[in-house]
N, C-alpha and C. Protein backbone atom coordinates (compact mmCIF):
# COMPACT_ATOMS: atom_id res chain seq x y z
N HIS A 1 -68.96 4.54 221.75
CA HIS A 1 -68.68 3.46 220.84
C HIS A 1 -68.06 3.94 219.53
N PHE A 2 -67.98 5.26 219.33
CA PHE A 2 -67.46 5.78 218.07
C PHE A 2 -66.26 6.66 218.34
N ASP A 3 -65.25 6.52 217.47
CA ASP A 3 -64.08 7.39 217.55
C ASP A 3 -64.30 8.69 216.78
N LEU A 4 -65.07 8.59 215.71
CA LEU A 4 -65.31 9.73 214.84
C LEU A 4 -66.79 9.80 214.49
N VAL A 5 -67.37 11.00 214.60
CA VAL A 5 -68.72 11.26 214.15
C VAL A 5 -68.65 12.43 213.18
N VAL A 6 -69.22 12.25 211.98
CA VAL A 6 -69.26 13.30 210.96
C VAL A 6 -70.71 13.76 210.82
N ILE A 7 -70.92 15.06 210.94
CA ILE A 7 -72.27 15.62 210.83
C ILE A 7 -72.31 16.57 209.65
N ASP A 8 -73.12 16.23 208.67
CA ASP A 8 -73.29 17.08 207.51
C ASP A 8 -74.36 18.14 207.81
N GLU A 9 -74.42 19.16 206.98
CA GLU A 9 -75.38 20.26 207.17
C GLU A 9 -75.22 20.88 208.58
N PHE A 10 -73.98 21.06 208.98
CA PHE A 10 -73.69 21.51 210.34
C PHE A 10 -74.20 22.91 210.64
N HIS A 11 -74.59 23.65 209.62
CA HIS A 11 -75.16 24.97 209.87
C HIS A 11 -76.49 24.86 210.63
N HIS A 12 -77.03 23.64 210.72
CA HIS A 12 -78.25 23.42 211.51
C HIS A 12 -77.93 23.00 212.95
N ALA A 13 -76.68 23.08 213.35
CA ALA A 13 -76.25 22.55 214.65
C ALA A 13 -76.98 23.18 215.83
N ALA A 14 -77.48 24.39 215.68
CA ALA A 14 -78.19 25.04 216.79
C ALA A 14 -79.60 24.49 216.97
N ALA A 15 -80.11 23.75 216.01
CA ALA A 15 -81.47 23.21 216.09
C ALA A 15 -81.56 22.14 217.19
N PRO A 16 -82.67 22.07 217.90
CA PRO A 16 -82.82 21.08 218.98
C PRO A 16 -82.57 19.65 218.53
N SER A 17 -83.00 19.28 217.33
CA SER A 17 -82.79 17.91 216.85
C SER A 17 -81.30 17.61 216.68
N TYR A 18 -80.54 18.58 216.18
CA TYR A 18 -79.09 18.39 216.06
C TYR A 18 -78.44 18.38 217.44
N GLN A 19 -78.91 19.24 218.33
CA GLN A 19 -78.34 19.29 219.67
C GLN A 19 -78.49 17.94 220.38
N ARG A 20 -79.66 17.30 220.24
CA ARG A 20 -79.86 15.98 220.85
C ARG A 20 -78.88 14.96 220.28
N LEU A 21 -78.68 14.99 218.98
CA LEU A 21 -77.75 14.08 218.33
C LEU A 21 -76.32 14.32 218.81
N ILE A 22 -75.92 15.58 218.83
CA ILE A 22 -74.57 15.94 219.23
C ILE A 22 -74.30 15.56 220.68
N GLU A 23 -75.26 15.81 221.55
CA GLU A 23 -75.10 15.48 222.96
C GLU A 23 -75.10 13.97 223.21
N HIS A 24 -75.75 13.21 222.34
CA HIS A 24 -75.85 11.76 222.50
C HIS A 24 -74.49 11.08 222.34
N PHE A 25 -73.67 11.58 221.42
CA PHE A 25 -72.39 10.95 221.12
C PHE A 25 -71.26 11.65 221.87
N ASN A 26 -70.23 10.88 222.19
CA ASN A 26 -69.04 11.43 222.82
C ASN A 26 -67.81 10.83 222.13
N PRO A 27 -67.62 11.16 220.85
CA PRO A 27 -66.50 10.57 220.12
C PRO A 27 -65.18 11.25 220.47
N ARG A 28 -64.09 10.65 220.04
CA ARG A 28 -62.79 11.30 220.20
C ARG A 28 -62.74 12.57 219.36
N PHE A 29 -63.40 12.51 218.18
CA PHE A 29 -63.40 13.66 217.30
C PHE A 29 -64.75 13.75 216.60
N MET A 30 -65.31 14.94 216.59
CA MET A 30 -66.56 15.19 215.88
C MET A 30 -66.28 16.21 214.79
N LEU A 31 -66.67 15.87 213.56
CA LEU A 31 -66.45 16.74 212.42
C LEU A 31 -67.78 17.24 211.90
N GLY A 32 -67.97 18.56 211.86
CA GLY A 32 -69.17 19.16 211.31
C GLY A 32 -68.85 19.76 209.96
N LEU A 33 -69.67 19.46 208.96
CA LEU A 33 -69.47 19.97 207.61
C LEU A 33 -70.66 20.82 207.18
N THR A 34 -70.37 21.92 206.51
CA THR A 34 -71.42 22.75 205.93
C THR A 34 -70.86 23.51 204.75
N ALA A 35 -71.70 23.70 203.75
CA ALA A 35 -71.31 24.52 202.61
C ALA A 35 -71.72 25.97 202.81
N THR A 36 -72.44 26.25 203.91
CA THR A 36 -72.93 27.61 204.15
C THR A 36 -72.57 28.07 205.56
N PRO A 37 -71.27 28.24 205.85
CA PRO A 37 -70.89 28.65 207.20
C PRO A 37 -71.17 30.11 207.52
N GLU A 38 -71.24 30.95 206.49
CA GLU A 38 -71.47 32.38 206.71
C GLU A 38 -72.96 32.65 206.74
N ARG A 39 -73.58 32.32 207.85
CA ARG A 39 -75.02 32.50 207.98
C ARG A 39 -75.31 33.74 208.81
N SER A 40 -76.35 34.45 208.44
CA SER A 40 -76.70 35.68 209.14
C SER A 40 -77.26 35.41 210.54
N ASP A 41 -77.73 34.19 210.81
CA ASP A 41 -78.27 33.90 212.14
C ASP A 41 -77.20 33.47 213.13
N GLY A 42 -75.95 33.37 212.70
CA GLY A 42 -74.86 33.02 213.60
C GLY A 42 -74.92 31.58 214.10
N ALA A 43 -75.59 30.71 213.37
CA ALA A 43 -75.77 29.33 213.82
C ALA A 43 -74.47 28.55 213.88
N VAL A 44 -73.48 28.93 213.09
CA VAL A 44 -72.19 28.25 213.12
C VAL A 44 -71.20 29.17 213.83
N PRO A 45 -70.88 28.86 215.08
CA PRO A 45 -70.01 29.74 215.86
C PRO A 45 -68.54 29.60 215.45
N ALA A 46 -67.69 30.48 215.97
CA ALA A 46 -66.27 30.42 215.68
C ALA A 46 -65.62 29.22 216.39
N LEU A 47 -66.18 28.84 217.52
CA LEU A 47 -65.70 27.67 218.26
C LEU A 47 -66.87 26.76 218.55
N TRP A 48 -66.61 25.46 218.53
CA TRP A 48 -67.65 24.51 218.88
C TRP A 48 -67.12 23.66 220.03
N LYS A 49 -67.74 23.83 221.20
CA LYS A 49 -67.32 23.11 222.40
C LYS A 49 -65.82 23.27 222.64
N GLY A 50 -65.33 24.49 222.44
CA GLY A 50 -63.93 24.79 222.68
C GLY A 50 -62.99 24.39 221.56
N GLN A 51 -63.51 23.79 220.51
CA GLN A 51 -62.67 23.36 219.39
C GLN A 51 -62.79 24.37 218.25
N PRO A 52 -61.68 24.69 217.61
CA PRO A 52 -61.75 25.65 216.49
C PRO A 52 -62.50 25.04 215.31
N ILE A 53 -63.12 25.91 214.57
CA ILE A 53 -63.81 25.49 213.36
C ILE A 53 -62.96 25.96 212.18
N HIS A 54 -62.58 25.02 211.35
CA HIS A 54 -61.82 25.38 210.14
C HIS A 54 -62.81 25.84 209.08
N ARG A 55 -62.54 26.98 208.52
CA ARG A 55 -63.39 27.50 207.47
C ARG A 55 -62.60 27.52 206.17
N ALA A 56 -63.17 26.91 205.16
CA ALA A 56 -62.60 26.94 203.82
C ALA A 56 -63.72 27.39 202.90
N GLY A 57 -63.73 28.65 202.56
CA GLY A 57 -64.82 29.22 201.77
C GLY A 57 -64.70 28.92 200.29
N LEU A 58 -65.57 29.52 199.56
CA LEU A 58 -65.67 29.30 198.12
C LEU A 58 -64.37 29.62 197.40
N ILE A 59 -63.80 30.78 197.68
CA ILE A 59 -62.57 31.20 196.99
C ILE A 59 -61.43 30.23 197.29
N GLU A 60 -61.30 29.84 198.55
CA GLU A 60 -60.25 28.89 198.92
C GLU A 60 -60.50 27.53 198.28
N GLY A 61 -61.74 27.10 198.24
CA GLY A 61 -62.07 25.82 197.62
C GLY A 61 -61.71 25.80 196.15
N ILE A 62 -61.96 26.90 195.45
CA ILE A 62 -61.60 26.98 194.03
C ILE A 62 -60.08 27.03 193.89
N ALA A 63 -59.40 27.81 194.75
CA ALA A 63 -57.94 27.91 194.68
C ALA A 63 -57.28 26.55 194.94
N ARG A 64 -57.86 25.75 195.82
CA ARG A 64 -57.31 24.42 196.12
C ARG A 64 -57.77 23.35 195.13
N ARG A 65 -58.54 23.77 194.13
CA ARG A 65 -59.05 22.88 193.09
C ARG A 65 -59.98 21.80 193.65
N ARG A 66 -60.66 22.14 194.74
CA ARG A 66 -61.68 21.26 195.31
C ARG A 66 -63.06 21.62 194.74
N LEU A 67 -63.18 22.85 194.28
CA LEU A 67 -64.42 23.34 193.66
C LEU A 67 -64.09 23.87 192.27
N VAL A 68 -65.06 23.83 191.42
CA VAL A 68 -64.88 24.26 190.04
C VAL A 68 -65.21 25.74 189.92
N PRO A 69 -64.36 26.51 189.25
CA PRO A 69 -64.72 27.92 189.02
C PRO A 69 -66.03 27.97 188.22
N PHE A 70 -66.81 28.99 188.46
CA PHE A 70 -68.12 29.07 187.83
C PHE A 70 -68.50 30.51 187.54
N ALA A 71 -69.48 30.65 186.70
CA ALA A 71 -70.12 31.94 186.46
C ALA A 71 -71.57 31.75 186.84
N TYR A 72 -72.05 32.56 187.76
CA TYR A 72 -73.43 32.46 188.23
C TYR A 72 -74.21 33.60 187.63
N ARG A 73 -75.31 33.27 186.98
CA ARG A 73 -76.14 34.31 186.36
C ARG A 73 -77.52 34.29 187.02
N GLY A 74 -77.89 35.40 187.57
CA GLY A 74 -79.25 35.58 188.07
C GLY A 74 -79.98 36.48 187.09
N ILE A 75 -81.05 35.99 186.53
CA ILE A 75 -81.76 36.71 185.49
C ILE A 75 -83.09 37.21 186.05
N LYS A 76 -83.38 38.48 185.85
CA LYS A 76 -84.68 39.02 186.26
C LYS A 76 -85.72 38.49 185.29
N ASP A 77 -86.70 37.80 185.84
CA ASP A 77 -87.73 37.24 184.96
C ASP A 77 -88.98 38.10 184.94
N GLU A 78 -89.97 37.66 184.17
CA GLU A 78 -91.18 38.45 183.98
C GLU A 78 -92.30 38.05 184.93
N VAL A 79 -92.02 37.21 185.90
CA VAL A 79 -93.06 36.74 186.83
C VAL A 79 -93.38 37.84 187.83
N ASP A 80 -94.66 38.05 188.07
CA ASP A 80 -95.11 39.01 189.09
C ASP A 80 -95.25 38.26 190.41
N TYR A 81 -94.19 38.24 191.19
CA TYR A 81 -94.18 37.49 192.45
C TYR A 81 -95.09 38.12 193.51
N SER A 82 -95.42 39.40 193.34
CA SER A 82 -96.29 40.06 194.33
C SER A 82 -97.69 39.46 194.34
N SER A 83 -98.07 38.78 193.27
CA SER A 83 -99.40 38.18 193.21
C SER A 83 -99.42 36.75 193.77
N ILE A 84 -98.28 36.25 194.19
CA ILE A 84 -98.19 34.89 194.74
C ILE A 84 -98.15 34.99 196.26
N PRO A 85 -99.09 34.36 196.94
CA PRO A 85 -99.11 34.46 198.41
C PRO A 85 -97.83 33.93 199.06
N TRP A 86 -97.41 34.61 200.11
CA TRP A 86 -96.24 34.23 200.91
C TRP A 86 -96.77 33.63 202.19
N GLU A 87 -96.48 32.35 202.43
CA GLU A 87 -97.02 31.65 203.60
C GLU A 87 -95.93 30.88 204.31
N ARG A 88 -95.82 31.06 205.60
CA ARG A 88 -94.85 30.34 206.45
C ARG A 88 -93.44 30.41 205.89
N GLY A 89 -93.03 31.59 205.48
CA GLY A 89 -91.66 31.81 205.04
C GLY A 89 -91.35 31.41 203.61
N LYS A 90 -92.37 31.11 202.81
CA LYS A 90 -92.12 30.77 201.42
C LYS A 90 -93.36 31.04 200.58
N PHE A 91 -93.15 31.05 199.27
CA PHE A 91 -94.28 31.25 198.36
C PHE A 91 -95.20 30.04 198.38
N ASP A 92 -96.49 30.27 198.16
CA ASP A 92 -97.44 29.18 197.99
C ASP A 92 -96.97 28.36 196.78
N GLN A 93 -96.64 27.09 197.03
CA GLN A 93 -95.98 26.27 196.01
C GLN A 93 -96.83 26.07 194.77
N LYS A 94 -98.11 25.85 194.93
CA LYS A 94 -98.98 25.61 193.78
C LYS A 94 -99.03 26.84 192.88
N ARG A 95 -99.18 28.00 193.47
CA ARG A 95 -99.24 29.25 192.69
C ARG A 95 -97.88 29.57 192.06
N LEU A 96 -96.81 29.29 192.80
CA LEU A 96 -95.47 29.52 192.26
C LEU A 96 -95.22 28.61 191.06
N ASP A 97 -95.57 27.33 191.20
CA ASP A 97 -95.42 26.41 190.08
C ASP A 97 -96.21 26.88 188.87
N GLY A 98 -97.42 27.37 189.11
CA GLY A 98 -98.23 27.88 188.01
C GLY A 98 -97.56 29.04 187.29
N ALA A 99 -96.86 29.87 188.04
CA ALA A 99 -96.18 31.02 187.44
C ALA A 99 -94.89 30.62 186.71
N LEU A 100 -94.22 29.58 187.19
CA LEU A 100 -92.92 29.22 186.64
C LEU A 100 -92.97 28.15 185.56
N THR A 101 -93.99 27.32 185.56
CA THR A 101 -94.07 26.24 184.58
C THR A 101 -94.95 26.68 183.40
N ARG A 102 -94.51 27.76 182.78
CA ARG A 102 -95.19 28.31 181.61
C ARG A 102 -94.17 28.49 180.49
N GLU A 103 -94.66 28.39 179.28
CA GLU A 103 -93.75 28.51 178.13
C GLU A 103 -93.04 29.86 178.11
N SER A 104 -93.75 30.94 178.45
CA SER A 104 -93.11 32.26 178.39
C SER A 104 -91.94 32.37 179.36
N HIS A 105 -92.07 31.75 180.53
CA HIS A 105 -90.99 31.80 181.51
C HIS A 105 -89.80 30.96 181.04
N ALA A 106 -90.07 29.75 180.55
CA ALA A 106 -89.00 28.88 180.04
C ALA A 106 -88.33 29.49 178.81
N ALA A 107 -89.13 30.12 177.95
CA ALA A 107 -88.57 30.75 176.75
C ALA A 107 -87.63 31.89 177.12
N GLN A 108 -88.00 32.65 178.14
CA GLN A 108 -87.13 33.73 178.58
C GLN A 108 -85.81 33.18 179.12
N ALA A 109 -85.89 32.10 179.91
CA ALA A 109 -84.67 31.47 180.45
C ALA A 109 -83.78 30.96 179.32
N LEU A 110 -84.37 30.33 178.33
CA LEU A 110 -83.61 29.81 177.20
C LEU A 110 -82.99 30.96 176.40
N ALA A 111 -83.72 32.02 176.19
CA ALA A 111 -83.19 33.17 175.45
C ALA A 111 -81.99 33.78 176.18
N GLU A 112 -82.09 33.89 177.51
CA GLU A 112 -80.97 34.42 178.30
C GLU A 112 -79.76 33.49 178.23
N TYR A 113 -80.01 32.19 178.28
CA TYR A 113 -78.93 31.21 178.16
C TYR A 113 -78.21 31.39 176.83
N ARG A 114 -78.98 31.45 175.77
CA ARG A 114 -78.38 31.59 174.44
C ARG A 114 -77.63 32.91 174.30
N LYS A 115 -78.15 33.96 174.89
CA LYS A 115 -77.49 35.26 174.84
C LYS A 115 -76.13 35.20 175.54
N HIS A 116 -76.06 34.56 176.70
CA HIS A 116 -74.82 34.51 177.46
C HIS A 116 -73.87 33.41 176.99
N ALA A 117 -74.40 32.36 176.36
CA ALA A 117 -73.55 31.26 175.90
C ALA A 117 -72.75 31.63 174.67
N GLY A 118 -73.25 32.55 173.88
CA GLY A 118 -72.54 32.91 172.66
C GLY A 118 -72.63 31.79 171.64
N ASP A 119 -71.57 31.65 170.84
CA ASP A 119 -71.57 30.67 169.76
C ASP A 119 -71.39 29.24 170.24
N SER A 120 -70.70 29.06 171.35
CA SER A 120 -70.46 27.70 171.83
C SER A 120 -71.40 27.40 173.01
N PRO A 121 -72.12 26.29 172.92
CA PRO A 121 -73.02 25.93 174.03
C PRO A 121 -72.26 25.75 175.33
N ARG A 122 -72.80 26.27 176.38
CA ARG A 122 -72.18 26.14 177.70
C ARG A 122 -72.94 25.12 178.52
N ARG A 123 -72.26 24.56 179.49
CA ARG A 123 -72.87 23.59 180.38
C ARG A 123 -73.13 24.23 181.72
N GLY A 124 -74.22 23.80 182.38
CA GLY A 124 -74.46 24.38 183.68
C GLY A 124 -75.63 23.80 184.43
N LEU A 125 -75.75 24.26 185.65
CA LEU A 125 -76.86 23.91 186.53
C LEU A 125 -77.89 25.02 186.45
N TRP A 126 -79.14 24.64 186.36
CA TRP A 126 -80.25 25.58 186.31
C TRP A 126 -81.05 25.36 187.59
N PHE A 127 -81.00 26.31 188.50
CA PHE A 127 -81.65 26.16 189.79
C PHE A 127 -83.13 26.50 189.69
N CYS A 128 -83.96 25.57 190.13
CA CYS A 128 -85.41 25.70 189.99
C CYS A 128 -86.07 25.77 191.37
N ALA A 129 -87.34 26.16 191.37
CA ALA A 129 -88.07 26.39 192.62
C ALA A 129 -88.80 25.15 193.12
N SER A 130 -88.97 24.14 192.28
CA SER A 130 -89.69 22.93 192.70
C SER A 130 -89.37 21.80 191.73
N ILE A 131 -89.79 20.60 192.09
CA ILE A 131 -89.62 19.45 191.21
C ILE A 131 -90.39 19.67 189.91
N ALA A 132 -91.63 20.16 190.03
CA ALA A 132 -92.42 20.42 188.83
C ALA A 132 -91.72 21.42 187.91
N HIS A 133 -91.14 22.46 188.50
CA HIS A 133 -90.43 23.47 187.72
C HIS A 133 -89.21 22.86 187.04
N ALA A 134 -88.42 22.05 187.75
CA ALA A 134 -87.23 21.42 187.18
C ALA A 134 -87.61 20.48 186.03
N ASP A 135 -88.64 19.65 186.24
CA ASP A 135 -89.08 18.74 185.18
C ASP A 135 -89.54 19.51 183.95
N TYR A 136 -90.33 20.55 184.18
CA TYR A 136 -90.85 21.35 183.07
C TYR A 136 -89.71 22.01 182.29
N LEU A 137 -88.77 22.63 183.02
CA LEU A 137 -87.68 23.34 182.37
C LEU A 137 -86.78 22.38 181.60
N ALA A 138 -86.44 21.24 182.18
CA ALA A 138 -85.59 20.27 181.48
C ALA A 138 -86.27 19.79 180.19
N ALA A 139 -87.56 19.51 180.26
CA ALA A 139 -88.29 19.06 179.07
C ALA A 139 -88.33 20.17 178.02
N TYR A 140 -88.55 21.40 178.45
CA TYR A 140 -88.60 22.53 177.52
C TYR A 140 -87.25 22.70 176.83
N LEU A 141 -86.18 22.67 177.61
CA LEU A 141 -84.85 22.83 177.03
C LEU A 141 -84.56 21.72 176.03
N ALA A 142 -84.87 20.48 176.41
CA ALA A 142 -84.62 19.35 175.51
C ALA A 142 -85.42 19.50 174.22
N ASP A 143 -86.66 19.96 174.33
CA ASP A 143 -87.49 20.16 173.15
C ASP A 143 -86.96 21.27 172.24
N HIS A 144 -86.10 22.12 172.79
CA HIS A 144 -85.56 23.25 172.03
C HIS A 144 -84.06 23.11 171.77
N GLY A 145 -83.58 21.86 171.74
CA GLY A 145 -82.22 21.60 171.30
C GLY A 145 -81.13 21.70 172.34
N VAL A 146 -81.48 21.81 173.61
CA VAL A 146 -80.49 21.85 174.67
C VAL A 146 -80.55 20.52 175.41
N ALA A 147 -79.46 19.76 175.39
CA ALA A 147 -79.43 18.46 176.07
C ALA A 147 -79.56 18.70 177.57
N ALA A 148 -80.70 18.29 178.15
CA ALA A 148 -80.98 18.62 179.54
C ALA A 148 -81.70 17.48 180.24
N VAL A 149 -81.48 17.40 181.56
CA VAL A 149 -82.22 16.48 182.43
C VAL A 149 -82.57 17.24 183.71
N ALA A 150 -83.53 16.70 184.44
CA ALA A 150 -83.88 17.25 185.75
C ALA A 150 -83.31 16.31 186.81
N VAL A 151 -82.62 16.87 187.79
CA VAL A 151 -82.06 16.10 188.89
C VAL A 151 -82.65 16.64 190.19
N HIS A 152 -83.37 15.76 190.89
CA HIS A 152 -84.00 16.14 192.15
C HIS A 152 -84.35 14.89 192.93
N SER A 153 -84.99 15.04 194.05
CA SER A 153 -85.29 13.91 194.93
C SER A 153 -86.56 13.15 194.55
N GLY A 154 -87.30 13.63 193.57
CA GLY A 154 -88.54 12.99 193.18
C GLY A 154 -88.33 11.77 192.30
N SER A 155 -89.40 11.03 192.07
CA SER A 155 -89.33 9.80 191.29
C SER A 155 -89.00 10.04 189.82
N THR A 156 -89.22 11.25 189.33
CA THR A 156 -88.94 11.57 187.93
C THR A 156 -87.53 12.13 187.72
N GLY A 157 -86.77 12.27 188.79
CA GLY A 157 -85.43 12.84 188.69
C GLY A 157 -84.43 11.88 188.06
N ALA A 158 -83.53 12.42 187.25
CA ALA A 158 -82.46 11.62 186.65
C ALA A 158 -81.42 11.31 187.73
N PRO A 159 -80.68 10.22 187.58
CA PRO A 159 -79.65 9.87 188.57
C PRO A 159 -78.58 10.97 188.67
N ARG A 160 -78.28 11.37 189.89
CA ARG A 160 -77.36 12.48 190.12
C ARG A 160 -75.96 12.21 189.58
N GLY A 161 -75.36 11.10 189.98
CA GLY A 161 -73.98 10.81 189.57
C GLY A 161 -73.83 10.68 188.07
N GLU A 162 -74.72 9.94 187.45
CA GLU A 162 -74.68 9.77 186.00
C GLU A 162 -74.89 11.10 185.29
N SER A 163 -75.80 11.91 185.78
CA SER A 163 -76.07 13.21 185.16
C SER A 163 -74.87 14.12 185.26
N LEU A 164 -74.20 14.12 186.40
CA LEU A 164 -72.99 14.94 186.55
C LEU A 164 -71.88 14.45 185.62
N ARG A 165 -71.74 13.14 185.50
CA ARG A 165 -70.75 12.58 184.59
C ARG A 165 -71.05 13.01 183.16
N ARG A 166 -72.31 12.94 182.77
CA ARG A 166 -72.72 13.33 181.42
C ARG A 166 -72.52 14.83 181.18
N LEU A 167 -72.79 15.63 182.20
CA LEU A 167 -72.57 17.08 182.09
C LEU A 167 -71.07 17.36 181.94
N GLY A 168 -70.27 16.72 182.78
CA GLY A 168 -68.82 16.91 182.72
C GLY A 168 -68.22 16.45 181.40
N GLY A 169 -68.79 15.39 180.82
CA GLY A 169 -68.29 14.87 179.55
C GLY A 169 -68.82 15.58 178.33
N GLY A 170 -69.71 16.54 178.53
CA GLY A 170 -70.25 17.30 177.41
C GLY A 170 -71.48 16.69 176.76
N GLU A 171 -71.95 15.54 177.27
CA GLU A 171 -73.18 14.94 176.73
C GLU A 171 -74.41 15.78 177.05
N LEU A 172 -74.39 16.41 178.20
CA LEU A 172 -75.48 17.29 178.63
C LEU A 172 -75.00 18.72 178.64
N GLN A 173 -75.92 19.63 178.39
CA GLN A 173 -75.63 21.05 178.52
C GLN A 173 -76.25 21.62 179.78
N ALA A 174 -77.31 20.99 180.27
CA ALA A 174 -78.04 21.57 181.40
C ALA A 174 -78.59 20.50 182.33
N ILE A 175 -78.45 20.80 183.61
CA ILE A 175 -79.15 20.03 184.65
C ILE A 175 -80.07 21.02 185.35
N ALA A 176 -81.37 20.79 185.23
CA ALA A 176 -82.35 21.59 185.97
C ALA A 176 -82.53 20.89 187.32
N THR A 177 -82.33 21.63 188.39
CA THR A 177 -82.29 20.99 189.70
C THR A 177 -82.99 21.81 190.77
N VAL A 178 -83.37 21.14 191.82
CA VAL A 178 -83.98 21.82 192.97
C VAL A 178 -83.50 21.13 194.24
N ASP A 179 -82.95 21.92 195.16
CA ASP A 179 -82.53 21.44 196.49
C ASP A 179 -81.57 20.25 196.45
N VAL A 180 -80.70 20.19 195.45
CA VAL A 180 -79.71 19.11 195.39
C VAL A 180 -78.30 19.66 195.41
N PHE A 181 -78.01 20.64 194.58
CA PHE A 181 -76.64 21.16 194.46
C PHE A 181 -76.52 22.48 195.17
């Protein structure tokens, strides 16, 4: 019944749930999209059902002006992650939140931001480990003179589109986010 089927997050195509969906439809054309095609598990093959997969990576996306050039900063923080239990492939969320939603951690992040921003405030995305972490960091930044909001899937998250518009227009300096961008 469909001429075209578009599947987002196509890097999950090897999962049984995706396989059932893919096998269910027989469109004239199926388009799979993913922002993470270079996966170490090989989940996105070079060919899909005999059809070539077009790859347009980060560098090409920036060159074609589809993506914005960026500077990514990973800052070593003072959290002792060895004391946080690792369960089912991730940190215990409650203990991680306890370690990250502290003034000393937010103060360090703000100090690093100010160090790298120089004299002119820079705008950017601040990637967080949880909704609680994003809310805490956005509030801390706002309390310390950085126009910030938290954008996430929770009820306390600011609207994504409006927040991006405000960031692009210079109204905001920071979006603290988790699992959105």
